Amino acid sequence: MQVTATPPPKPAVPAAYAHLRQLPQGEQLPLIYDRSLVGRPVEVTPEVDLSKFGDNAGVSRRHAQITRGEGQVLLEDLGSSNGTFLNEVRLQPGLQHPLSHQDQVRFGSLRFQYWQKEV
């Protein structure tokens, strides 16, 4: 009789605290980490990988960062070429801006809506 070993359990993926909903299609990108890099994978794979939406969207490799802490979620442009926009206002690179439920966010030409799990 041969005994087969049970594979170890996979590490639990943290539950998403929020997500970005692509507009207008509605695909959801979960936000699960306290600090998430938004961009395209080249040397580093970002936590929010926008490469699936095409190469012509104007998204930089290190486009923006979303940070959660002290009861709020913040959006920061990392000096991207085509800008990060919050409710159609271009963000100044290096400054953090609070995100609120249903805010419109744009990375280059890609549009999203921010959705919190608990409002």
Protein backbone atom coordinates (compact mmCIF):
# COMPACT_ATOMS: atom_id res chain seq x y z
CA MET A 1 0.00 0.00 0.00
CA GLN A 2 1.43 3.32 -1.08
CA VAL A 3 0.83 6.37 1.08
CA THR A 4 0.55 9.70 -0.66
CA ALA A 5 1.50 12.80 1.24
CA THR A 6 -1.03 15.55 1.57
CA PRO A 7 0.35 18.76 0.11
CA PRO A 8 0.78 21.60 2.59
CA PRO A 9 -2.03 24.14 2.62
CA LYS A 10 -1.56 27.20 0.44
CA PRO A 11 -0.90 30.39 2.36
CA ALA A 12 -4.04 32.39 2.91
CA VAL A 13 -4.43 35.41 0.67
CA PRO A 14 -5.49 38.41 2.70
CA ALA A 15 -9.03 39.60 2.07
CA ALA A 16 -9.34 42.69 -0.08
CA TYR A 17 -10.14 45.86 1.85
CA ALA A 18 -11.18 47.61 -1.38
CA HIS A 19 -10.93 47.27 -5.15
CA LEU A 20 -10.55 49.31 -8.29
CA ARG A 21 -13.37 48.74 -10.77
CA GLN A 22 -12.34 49.40 -14.36
CA LEU A 23 -14.64 51.71 -16.26
CA PRO A 24 -16.70 50.99 -18.26
CA GLN A 25 -16.12 47.17 -18.35
CA GLY A 26 -16.27 46.64 -14.59
CA GLU A 27 -13.31 44.27 -14.11
CA GLN A 28 -12.28 44.43 -10.45
CA LEU A 29 -8.70 44.65 -9.20
CA PRO A 30 -8.52 43.80 -5.47
CA LEU A 31 -6.47 45.89 -3.06
CA ILE A 32 -5.15 43.55 -0.37
CA TYR A 33 -1.83 45.03 0.76
CA ASP A 34 -1.21 48.07 2.94
CA ARG A 35 1.07 49.41 0.20
CA SER A 36 0.37 48.57 -3.46
CA LEU A 37 2.45 49.63 -6.43
CA VAL A 38 0.33 50.37 -9.53
CA GLY A 39 1.95 49.92 -12.93
CA ARG A 40 3.34 47.48 -15.48
CA PRO A 41 5.74 44.62 -14.75
CA VAL A 42 9.27 45.09 -16.04
CA GLU A 43 11.90 44.67 -13.31
CA VAL A 44 9.31 44.50 -10.53
CA THR A 45 5.81 43.04 -10.64
CA PRO A 46 3.39 45.60 -9.20
CA GLU A 47 0.65 44.52 -6.80
CA VAL A 48 -1.84 46.22 -9.14
CA ASP A 49 -0.73 45.10 -12.61
CA LEU A 50 -2.35 47.16 -15.37
CA SER A 51 -0.52 45.47 -18.28
CA LYS A 52 -3.56 43.29 -19.03
CA PHE A 53 -5.34 46.39 -20.33
CA GLY A 54 -2.84 46.92 -23.16
CA ASP A 55 0.47 48.61 -23.82
CA ASN A 56 -0.99 51.80 -25.28
CA ALA A 57 -2.77 53.00 -22.14
CA GLY A 58 0.00 55.37 -21.02
CA VAL A 59 0.77 53.48 -17.80
CA SER A 60 4.31 53.72 -16.44
CA ARG A 61 6.17 50.79 -14.89
CA ARG A 62 6.01 52.51 -11.47
CA HIS A 63 2.97 54.68 -12.07
CA ALA A 64 1.35 55.23 -8.66
CA GLN A 65 1.09 53.85 -5.15
CA ILE A 66 -1.96 53.14 -2.98
CA THR A 67 -1.26 53.10 0.77
CA ARG A 68 -3.61 52.10 3.59
CA GLY A 69 -3.00 53.24 7.14
CA GLU A 70 -4.37 55.20 10.08
CA GLY A 71 -7.98 54.82 8.96
CA GLN A 72 -7.55 56.09 5.41
CA VAL A 73 -6.39 55.06 1.96
CA LEU A 74 -4.04 57.36 0.06
CA LEU A 75 -3.17 57.66 -3.65
CA GLU A 76 0.19 59.00 -4.81
CA ASP A 77 1.57 59.56 -8.31
CA LEU A 78 5.17 58.31 -8.55
CA GLY A 79 6.27 60.72 -11.29
CA SER A 80 4.45 58.91 -14.09
CA SER A 81 4.75 60.23 -17.65
CA ASN A 82 1.01 60.42 -18.35
CA GLY A 83 -0.25 61.30 -14.90
CA THR A 84 -2.51 59.98 -12.19
CA PHE A 85 -5.88 61.68 -11.84
CA LEU A 86 -8.30 61.73 -8.92
CA ASN A 87 -11.80 62.84 -9.93
CA GLU A 88 -10.24 64.27 -13.14
CA VAL A 89 -7.71 66.42 -11.26
CA ARG A 90 -4.09 65.58 -12.08
CA LEU A 91 -2.11 64.71 -8.96
CA GLN A 92 1.20 66.37 -8.25
CA PRO A 93 3.87 63.63 -8.06
CA GLY A 94 5.05 62.69 -4.59
CA LEU A 95 2.00 64.01 -2.70
CA GLN A 96 -0.51 61.63 -1.13
CA HIS A 97 -4.24 62.27 -1.63
CA PRO A 98 -7.03 60.53 0.34
CA LEU A 99 -9.30 58.16 -1.58
CA SER A 100 -13.03 57.99 -0.83
CA HIS A 101 -15.61 55.40 -1.80
CA GLN A 102 -16.58 55.73 -5.50
CA ASP A 103 -13.82 58.24 -6.37
CA GLN A 104 -12.83 58.22 -10.04
CA VAL A 105 -9.15 57.32 -10.56
CA ARG A 106 -7.25 57.43 -13.86
CA PHE A 107 -3.78 56.03 -14.56
CA GLY A 108 -2.75 57.35 -17.99
CA SER A 109 -5.87 56.66 -20.07
CA LEU A 110 -7.19 53.79 -17.89
CA ARG A 111 -10.21 54.77 -15.80
CA PHE A 112 -11.29 53.13 -12.55
CA GLN A 113 -13.65 53.71 -9.67
CA TYR A 114 -12.45 53.09 -6.12
CA TRP A 115 -14.73 50.83 -4.03
CA GLN A 116 -14.24 50.31 -0.30
CA LYS A 117 -15.51 47.12 1.32
CA GLU A 118 -16.89 49.00 4.32
CA VAL A 119 -18.41 52.40 3.72
